[in-house]
Amino acid sequence: MPRIVLSTRFIILPTAAFLCSLLTLVAIAKTDSLEEAATNAVKTAAELLQSENYYDRILGAGTLSDIGNETGLEVLEEFAIGNDIVYQRSAIDTLIGVRHPNGIDLIYRLAADNQMFTQFLVQSLATNPRDDMSEFLLAILQEGPPDVQRYAMQALVHMRDSPNAIEVVKSVVDSSNTDGTTKAYGYYFLARRGHANEIAEQMLKLAAAGDLYQREVIAVALKYLKTDRAYEALAILQKSEDPRVSLAALASIAAQGEKKYVNELINVIARGKELNAEVGASAVRRLPPKLAHELSIELFALKIRPIPGARLLEAWRGIEWDPSEIYEWGLAHDDPDVRLQTLWLIGERKERKKIELLATYLDDANPRIRGMAAWAIIRIAPEAFKIGTEV
């Protein structure tokens, strides 16, 4: 066989200047692509703002508010103080997430003038915490009515602490005027911040004698108390006839990595009654990240149902692990609600590398999909939209 000789005589090595120019062109192309995606996202949001479907209008308004659009903020305000409770709650949920320069001022103004708005706002913050509202919630915690206090404490559990947060929470849980459920969330707050041993007796007392709501919260909080008594209490709670108490305890035990309980949690999510499956899927966020990932992949293989699947995607908002396989599963799903939740997750986690992918959904036949893709793009890169561009 003849030898093949590779000659290097005619290979021209790129110069540093050429490479620099090439990198500049790539950067310009990426910038142009990002600007185009942002512009198209805003156009999509503007179209939704004119929709006859109020949910679409609220979603469009939230997206526009994120680029500083006053009309979007005005639409959210209109719905947030409207007479329809369902749309009011949706608008408040959206308003909590917007980053309009005047958004927080609007929230405080509406809270000062409207008691119902304040109640719904605090309830929404319990599921969608916003760190810059910690002081507001601490004030509610000390002065608000019991039902609102409870949601304020629940919201504070997952927020970044202001300087006096622990001191205020301790004073509230020590007060004889504080109801048991608020105390339970207070213990959860403190246990999550390393104070579990200090309040061990109070938590174990509620685990044994509290009502259903209190035992459910304590079943979550006991995860942070690493003692034999805490484990025994969780084992008892896990056998509760109330599924929410049982599932809360199950997730706390499963978080320790015991295969028996991990498999039981998987079984509940994959095959249990739908409400139980939803609760179990939401609890995945309380597992160690690696375990949460492994469990999710196993659930995908078991063809998890759409509704608990959507809750699982929601849980991934705060799981510190590579979500690539999560996105892949969600976007390939037949159910539009699962795809919608996946687009939300990409935006919530601010995945800049996914903007081009998100842009492909701006032409989707489903207006909710288009709207969520638009929201996600602007959520990730609001600065990419050139102010003054005609929409």
Protein backbone atom coordinates (compact mmCIF):
# COMPACT_ATOMS: atom_id res chain seq x y z
CA MET A 1 0.00 0.00 0.00
CA PRO A 2 1.48 3.40 -0.92
CA ARG A 3 2.21 5.77 1.94
CA ILE A 4 0.07 8.86 2.25
CA VAL A 5 2.09 11.91 3.14
CA LEU A 6 0.28 14.92 4.58
CA SER A 7 1.95 18.13 3.57
CA THR A 8 1.68 21.29 5.68
CA ARG A 9 3.21 23.60 3.05
CA PHE A 10 -0.07 25.20 2.05
CA ILE A 11 -1.84 25.37 5.45
CA ILE A 12 -2.31 29.00 6.41
CA LEU A 13 -2.50 29.44 10.17
CA PRO A 14 -5.04 32.04 11.32
CA THR A 15 -3.58 35.21 12.73
CA ALA A 16 -4.56 36.66 16.09
CA ALA A 17 -6.27 39.54 14.29
CA PHE A 18 -8.31 37.14 12.18
CA LEU A 19 -9.42 35.17 15.25
CA CYS A 20 -10.32 38.38 17.03
CA SER A 21 -12.42 39.51 14.05
CA LEU A 22 -14.11 36.12 13.86
CA LEU A 23 -14.98 36.20 17.56
CA THR A 24 -16.33 39.73 17.16
CA LEU A 25 -18.57 38.63 14.29
CA VAL A 26 -19.86 35.70 16.36
CA ALA A 27 -20.57 38.04 19.27
CA ILE A 28 -22.42 40.46 16.97
CA ALA A 29 -24.46 37.62 15.50
CA LYS A 30 -25.39 36.41 18.97
CA THR A 31 -26.34 39.94 20.02
CA ASP A 32 -28.49 40.39 16.92
CA SER A 33 -30.16 37.02 17.52
CA LEU A 34 -30.86 37.92 21.16
CA GLU A 35 -32.30 41.31 20.21
CA GLU A 36 -34.49 39.70 17.57
CA ALA A 37 -35.77 37.12 20.06
CA ALA A 38 -36.51 39.82 22.64
CA THR A 39 -38.26 42.04 20.07
CA ASN A 40 -40.42 39.14 18.86
CA ALA A 41 -41.17 38.18 22.46
CA VAL A 42 -42.42 41.69 23.20
CA LYS A 43 -44.54 41.66 20.03
CA THR A 44 -46.09 38.39 21.17
CA ALA A 45 -46.80 39.86 24.61
CA ALA A 46 -48.38 42.95 23.03
CA GLU A 47 -50.67 40.73 20.96
CA LEU A 48 -51.71 38.80 24.07
CA LEU A 49 -52.53 42.06 25.81
CA GLN A 50 -55.35 42.49 23.27
CA SER A 51 -56.67 38.95 23.72
CA GLU A 52 -60.22 38.23 24.79
CA ASN A 53 -58.81 35.61 27.16
CA TYR A 54 -58.05 37.35 30.47
CA TYR A 55 -55.30 34.90 31.45
CA ASP A 56 -53.51 35.68 28.18
CA ARG A 57 -53.88 39.40 28.87
CA ILE A 58 -52.42 39.02 32.35
CA LEU A 59 -49.47 37.01 31.01
CA GLY A 60 -48.84 39.55 28.28
CA ALA A 61 -49.05 42.40 30.79
CA GLY A 62 -46.50 40.71 33.05
CA THR A 63 -44.06 40.29 30.18
CA LEU A 64 -44.41 43.91 29.08
CA SER A 65 -44.01 45.11 32.67
CA ASP A 66 -40.62 43.41 32.80
CA ILE A 67 -39.31 45.80 30.12
CA GLY A 68 -40.69 48.81 32.00
CA ASN A 69 -43.93 49.17 30.04
CA GLU A 70 -46.48 51.26 31.94
CA THR A 71 -49.52 49.88 30.12
CA GLY A 72 -48.62 46.36 31.22
CA LEU A 73 -48.39 47.48 34.83
CA GLU A 74 -51.71 49.32 34.59
CA VAL A 75 -53.42 46.18 33.26
CA LEU A 76 -52.05 44.15 36.16
CA GLU A 77 -53.29 46.76 38.61
CA GLU A 78 -56.75 46.69 37.03
CA PHE A 79 -57.04 42.93 37.44
CA ALA A 80 -55.36 42.88 40.87
CA ILE A 81 -58.08 45.04 42.40
CA GLY A 82 -60.94 43.79 40.22
CA ASN A 83 -64.09 42.02 41.33
CA ASP A 84 -63.28 38.59 39.90
CA ILE A 85 -61.31 36.71 42.57
CA VAL A 86 -59.85 34.18 40.12
CA TYR A 87 -58.36 36.82 37.83
CA GLN A 88 -57.38 38.92 40.84
CA ARG A 89 -55.29 36.05 42.22
CA SER A 90 -53.70 35.44 38.81
CA ALA A 91 -52.79 39.12 38.44
CA ILE A 92 -51.30 39.25 41.95
CA ASP A 93 -49.25 36.12 41.27
CA THR A 94 -47.94 37.80 38.11
CA LEU A 95 -47.36 41.16 39.79
CA ILE A 96 -45.17 39.54 42.44
CA GLY A 97 -42.79 38.36 39.75
CA VAL A 98 -42.48 41.50 37.60
CA ARG A 99 -39.36 43.63 37.76
CA HIS A 100 -40.87 46.92 36.64
CA PRO A 101 -39.14 49.86 38.42
CA ASN A 102 -42.49 50.92 39.90
CA GLY A 103 -43.75 47.39 40.57
CA ILE A 104 -42.86 47.20 44.24
CA ASP A 105 -44.27 50.68 44.90
CA LEU A 106 -47.54 49.62 43.26
CA ILE A 107 -47.70 46.50 45.44
CA TYR A 108 -47.20 48.54 48.62
CA ARG A 109 -49.76 51.15 47.54
CA LEU A 110 -52.42 48.55 46.78
CA ALA A 111 -51.67 46.72 50.02
CA ALA A 112 -52.15 49.93 52.00
CA ASP A 113 -55.50 50.67 50.37
CA ASN A 114 -57.08 47.24 49.96
CA GLN A 115 -57.33 44.61 52.70
CA MET A 116 -58.44 41.86 50.33
CA PHE A 117 -55.46 42.60 48.08
CA THR A 118 -53.15 42.33 51.09
CA GLN A 119 -54.60 38.96 52.08
CA PHE A 120 -54.25 37.54 48.56
CA LEU A 121 -50.78 39.07 48.24
CA VAL A 122 -49.49 37.36 51.38
CA GLN A 123 -51.04 34.06 50.31
CA SER A 124 -49.33 34.35 46.93
CA LEU A 125 -46.00 35.17 48.56
CA ALA A 126 -46.32 31.95 50.56
CA THR A 127 -45.93 30.00 47.32
CA ASN A 128 -43.91 32.56 45.31
CA PRO A 129 -41.53 34.26 47.77
CA ARG A 130 -39.95 37.60 46.87
CA ASP A 131 -36.87 38.53 48.90
CA ASP A 132 -37.35 42.30 48.80
CA MET A 133 -40.69 41.93 50.61
CA SER A 134 -39.24 40.38 53.75
CA GLU A 135 -39.66 43.54 55.86
CA PHE A 136 -43.26 43.90 54.68
CA LEU A 137 -44.04 40.33 55.79
CA LEU A 138 -42.31 40.78 59.14
CA ALA A 139 -44.60 43.75 59.80
CA ILE A 140 -47.65 41.65 58.84
CA LEU A 141 -46.37 38.90 61.10
CA GLN A 142 -46.39 41.22 64.10
CA GLU A 143 -49.58 43.14 63.39
CA GLY A 144 -51.77 41.21 60.96
CA PRO A 145 -54.80 38.99 61.68
CA PRO A 146 -54.04 35.30 62.48
CA ASP A 147 -54.95 33.89 59.06
CA VAL A 148 -52.69 36.40 57.31
CA GLN A 149 -49.93 35.92 59.90
CA ARG A 150 -49.80 32.24 59.02
CA TYR A 151 -49.20 32.91 55.33
CA ALA A 152 -46.62 35.58 56.16
CA MET A 153 -44.65 33.09 58.27
CA GLN A 154 -44.96 30.47 55.53
CA ALA A 155 -43.57 32.92 52.96
CA LEU A 156 -40.66 33.95 55.18
CA VAL A 157 -39.48 30.34 55.43
CA HIS A 158 -38.14 30.46 51.86
CA MET A 159 -36.98 34.09 51.73
CA ARG A 160 -33.60 35.66 52.26
CA ASP A 161 -33.56 36.99 55.82
CA SER A 162 -33.54 40.66 56.71
CA PRO A 163 -31.27 41.52 59.68
CA ASN A 164 -33.99 41.20 62.33
CA ALA A 165 -35.93 38.27 60.85
CA ILE A 166 -34.84 35.55 63.30
CA GLU A 167 -35.40 37.83 66.28
CA VAL A 168 -38.93 38.70 65.13
CA VAL A 169 -39.85 35.10 64.34
CA LYS A 170 -38.62 33.92 67.73
CA SER A 171 -40.71 36.56 69.49
CA VAL A 172 -43.82 35.58 67.50
CA VAL A 173 -43.52 31.84 68.18
CA ASP A 174 -42.89 32.53 71.87
CA SER A 175 -46.04 34.62 72.17
CA SER A 176 -49.09 33.04 73.80
CA ASN A 177 -51.27 34.96 71.33
CA THR A 178 -49.84 33.18 68.27
CA ASP A 179 -51.94 30.34 66.86
CA GLY A 180 -50.52 26.86 66.57
CA THR A 181 -50.20 26.75 62.78
CA THR A 182 -48.23 30.02 62.70
CA LYS A 183 -46.00 28.59 65.45
CA ALA A 184 -45.49 25.44 63.38
CA TYR A 185 -44.32 27.50 60.39
CA GLY A 186 -42.14 29.52 62.76
CA TYR A 187 -40.47 26.34 63.96
CA TYR A 188 -39.96 25.33 60.32
CA PHE A 189 -38.38 28.75 59.67
CA LEU A 190 -36.00 28.39 62.61
CA ALA A 191 -35.17 24.71 62.01
CA ARG A 192 -34.25 25.47 58.38
CA ARG A 193 -31.78 28.06 59.66
CA GLY A 194 -29.95 25.77 62.06
CA HIS A 195 -31.99 26.26 65.23
CA ALA A 196 -33.68 22.86 65.28
CA ASN A 197 -32.06 21.65 68.49
CA GLU A 198 -33.21 24.76 70.37
CA ILE A 199 -36.87 24.11 69.52
CA ALA A 200 -36.80 20.31 69.51
CA GLU A 201 -39.28 19.89 72.36
CA GLN A 202 -41.78 22.34 70.87
CA MET A 203 -41.66 20.58 67.49
CA LEU A 204 -42.00 17.10 68.99
CA LYS A 205 -44.96 18.29 71.08
CA LEU A 206 -46.79 19.56 67.97
CA ALA A 207 -45.87 16.38 66.10
CA ALA A 208 -47.65 14.36 68.77
CA ALA A 209 -50.60 16.59 69.66
CA GLY A 210 -51.02 19.25 66.93
CA ASP A 211 -53.88 19.38 64.47
CA LEU A 212 -53.53 18.13 60.89
CA TYR A 213 -52.11 21.38 59.52
CA GLN A 214 -49.58 21.69 62.34
CA ARG A 215 -48.43 18.09 62.03
CA GLU A 216 -48.00 18.47 58.29
CA VAL A 217 -45.71 21.48 58.74
CA ILE A 218 -43.79 19.84 61.58
CA ALA A 219 -43.32 16.72 59.46
CA VAL A 220 -41.43 18.97 57.03
CA ALA A 221 -39.49 20.79 59.76
CA LEU A 222 -38.36 17.60 61.53
CA LYS A 223 -36.11 16.86 58.55
CA TYR A 224 -33.68 19.33 60.13
CA LEU A 225 -33.66 17.72 63.59
CA LYS A 226 -31.12 14.91 63.32
CA THR A 227 -32.06 12.88 66.40
CA ASP A 228 -33.54 9.45 67.08
CA ARG A 229 -36.63 11.06 68.60
CA ALA A 230 -37.20 13.10 65.46
CA TYR A 231 -36.90 9.99 63.29
CA GLU A 232 -39.36 8.13 65.54
CA ALA A 233 -41.80 11.04 65.34
CA LEU A 234 -41.52 11.06 61.53
CA ALA A 235 -42.15 7.31 61.39
CA ILE A 236 -45.37 7.83 63.35
CA LEU A 237 -46.45 10.79 61.21
CA GLN A 238 -45.76 8.79 58.08
CA LYS A 239 -48.45 6.32 59.17
CA SER A 240 -51.05 9.08 59.56
CA GLU A 241 -54.43 8.54 57.92
CA ASP A 242 -54.25 12.06 56.54
CA PRO A 243 -52.31 11.85 53.24
CA ARG A 244 -50.78 15.32 53.51
CA VAL A 245 -49.26 14.56 56.91
CA SER A 246 -48.15 11.12 55.75
CA LEU A 247 -46.57 12.45 52.54
CA ALA A 248 -44.79 15.32 54.32
CA ALA A 249 -43.22 12.83 56.70
CA LEU A 250 -42.42 10.40 53.89
CA ALA A 251 -40.51 13.10 51.97
CA SER A 252 -38.54 14.06 55.10
CA ILE A 253 -37.51 10.44 55.66
CA ALA A 254 -36.81 9.86 51.96
CA ALA A 255 -34.52 12.91 52.00
CA GLN A 256 -32.18 10.87 54.19
CA GLY A 257 -31.69 8.51 51.26
CA GLU A 258 -33.32 5.36 52.58
CA LYS A 259 -34.17 3.36 49.47
CA LYS A 260 -37.38 1.89 50.92
CA TYR A 261 -38.87 5.34 51.48
CA VAL A 262 -37.51 6.76 48.22
CA ASN A 263 -39.26 3.94 46.35
CA GLU A 264 -42.44 4.58 48.31
CA LEU A 265 -42.36 8.26 47.32
CA ILE A 266 -41.81 7.30 43.68
CA ASN A 267 -44.77 4.93 43.85
CA VAL A 268 -47.06 7.62 45.29
CA ILE A 269 -46.09 10.11 42.56
CA ALA A 270 -46.28 7.58 39.72
CA ARG A 271 -49.31 5.53 40.77
CA GLY A 272 -51.05 7.19 43.71
CA LYS A 273 -54.27 9.19 43.69
CA GLU A 274 -53.75 12.32 41.65
CA LEU A 275 -53.91 14.77 44.57
CA ASN A 276 -51.43 12.67 46.55
CA ALA A 277 -49.24 12.40 43.46
CA GLU A 278 -49.23 16.20 43.14
CA VAL A 279 -48.26 16.69 46.78
CA GLY A 280 -45.54 14.07 46.46
CA ALA A 281 -44.17 15.65 43.28
CA SER A 282 -44.05 19.08 44.94
CA ALA A 283 -42.09 17.54 47.84
CA VAL A 284 -39.26 16.55 45.49
CA ARG A 285 -37.80 20.03 46.01
CA ARG A 286 -37.00 19.03 49.60
CA LEU A 287 -34.76 16.15 48.55
CA PRO A 288 -30.98 16.47 48.13
CA PRO A 289 -30.33 17.65 44.54
CA LYS A 290 -28.69 14.44 43.32
CA LEU A 291 -31.52 12.34 44.74
CA ALA A 292 -34.12 14.70 43.27
CA HIS A 293 -32.54 14.26 39.85
CA GLU A 294 -32.37 10.47 40.09
CA LEU A 295 -35.96 10.27 41.28
CA SER A 296 -37.15 12.55 38.46
CA ILE A 297 -35.47 10.45 35.79
CA GLU A 298 -37.07 7.32 37.24
CA LEU A 299 -40.47 9.01 37.22
CA PHE A 300 -40.03 9.92 33.55
CA ALA A 301 -39.35 6.27 32.77
CA LEU A 302 -42.56 5.35 34.62
CA LYS A 303 -44.48 7.86 32.44
CA ILE A 304 -45.55 10.19 35.23
CA ARG A 305 -48.99 11.73 34.59
CA PRO A 306 -49.25 15.31 33.30
CA ILE A 307 -50.56 17.05 36.44
CA PRO A 308 -48.01 15.64 38.92
CA GLY A 309 -45.48 16.05 36.11
CA ALA A 310 -46.20 19.77 36.03
CA ARG A 311 -45.79 19.94 39.82
CA LEU A 312 -42.47 18.13 39.50
CA LEU A 313 -41.30 20.76 37.00
CA GLU A 314 -42.39 23.46 39.43
CA ALA A 315 -40.32 21.81 42.16
CA TRP A 316 -37.25 22.06 39.93
CA ARG A 317 -37.25 25.83 40.27
CA GLY A 318 -35.01 25.60 43.33
CA ILE A 319 -33.12 22.33 42.80
CA GLU A 320 -29.41 23.01 42.29
CA TRP A 321 -28.65 20.38 39.67
CA ASP A 322 -28.30 20.28 35.89
CA PRO A 323 -31.91 20.35 34.60
CA SER A 324 -31.10 19.47 30.97
CA GLU A 325 -32.92 16.13 31.07
CA ILE A 326 -35.85 17.80 32.83
CA TYR A 327 -36.22 20.32 30.01
CA GLU A 328 -35.86 17.63 27.38
CA TRP A 329 -38.63 15.53 28.92
CA GLY A 330 -40.97 18.47 29.45
CA LEU A 331 -40.65 20.03 26.00
CA ALA A 332 -41.16 16.68 24.28
CA HIS A 333 -44.33 15.94 26.25
CA ASP A 334 -47.68 15.59 24.49
CA ASP A 335 -49.54 17.60 27.12
CA PRO A 336 -49.46 21.39 26.50
CA ASP A 337 -49.60 22.15 30.23
CA VAL A 338 -46.38 20.19 30.76
CA ARG A 339 -44.70 22.05 27.90
CA LEU A 340 -46.00 25.32 29.31
CA GLN A 341 -44.57 24.52 32.75
CA THR A 342 -41.23 23.62 31.17
CA LEU A 343 -41.02 26.97 29.39
CA TRP A 344 -41.83 28.64 32.70
CA LEU A 345 -39.06 26.66 34.40
CA ILE A 346 -36.50 27.69 31.78
CA GLY A 347 -37.45 31.33 32.31
CA GLU A 348 -37.54 31.03 36.08
CA ARG A 349 -34.05 29.52 36.13
CA LYS A 350 -32.88 32.21 33.66
CA GLU A 351 -31.26 29.85 31.20
CA ARG A 352 -29.62 32.27 28.75
CA LYS A 353 -28.38 29.41 26.57
CA LYS A 354 -31.99 28.43 25.90
CA ILE A 355 -33.14 31.75 24.41
CA GLU A 356 -32.84 30.57 20.81
CA LEU A 357 -34.83 27.47 21.70
CA LEU A 358 -37.46 29.59 23.43
CA ALA A 359 -37.73 31.80 20.35
CA THR A 360 -38.93 28.83 18.29
CA TYR A 361 -42.03 28.64 20.50
CA LEU A 362 -43.09 32.21 19.67
CA ASP A 363 -44.83 30.83 16.58
CA ASP A 364 -46.63 28.01 18.41
CA ALA A 365 -50.32 27.57 17.59
CA ASN A 366 -51.21 27.65 21.28
CA PRO A 367 -51.35 31.28 22.53
CA ARG A 368 -50.46 30.20 26.08
CA ILE A 369 -47.30 28.52 24.80
CA ARG A 370 -46.41 31.63 22.78
CA GLY A 371 -47.07 33.81 25.78
CA MET A 372 -44.98 31.74 28.17
CA ALA A 373 -42.09 31.58 25.72
CA ALA A 374 -42.25 35.37 25.40
CA TRP A 375 -42.34 35.76 29.18
CA ALA A 376 -39.35 33.41 29.60
CA ILE A 377 -37.22 35.28 27.04
CA ILE A 378 -37.87 38.65 28.66
CA ARG A 379 -37.49 37.15 32.13
CA ILE A 380 -34.03 35.93 31.16
CA ALA A 381 -32.83 38.99 29.22
CA PRO A 382 -35.03 42.08 29.60
CA GLU A 383 -32.06 44.26 28.67
CA ALA A 384 -31.98 42.73 25.17
CA PHE A 385 -35.09 44.63 24.11
CA LYS A 386 -34.18 48.03 22.72
CA ILE A 387 -36.37 50.65 24.36
CA GLY A 388 -38.06 52.71 21.67
CA THR A 389 -38.38 49.84 19.22
CA GLU A 390 -41.84 49.87 17.66
CA VAL A 391 -43.98 46.93 18.79
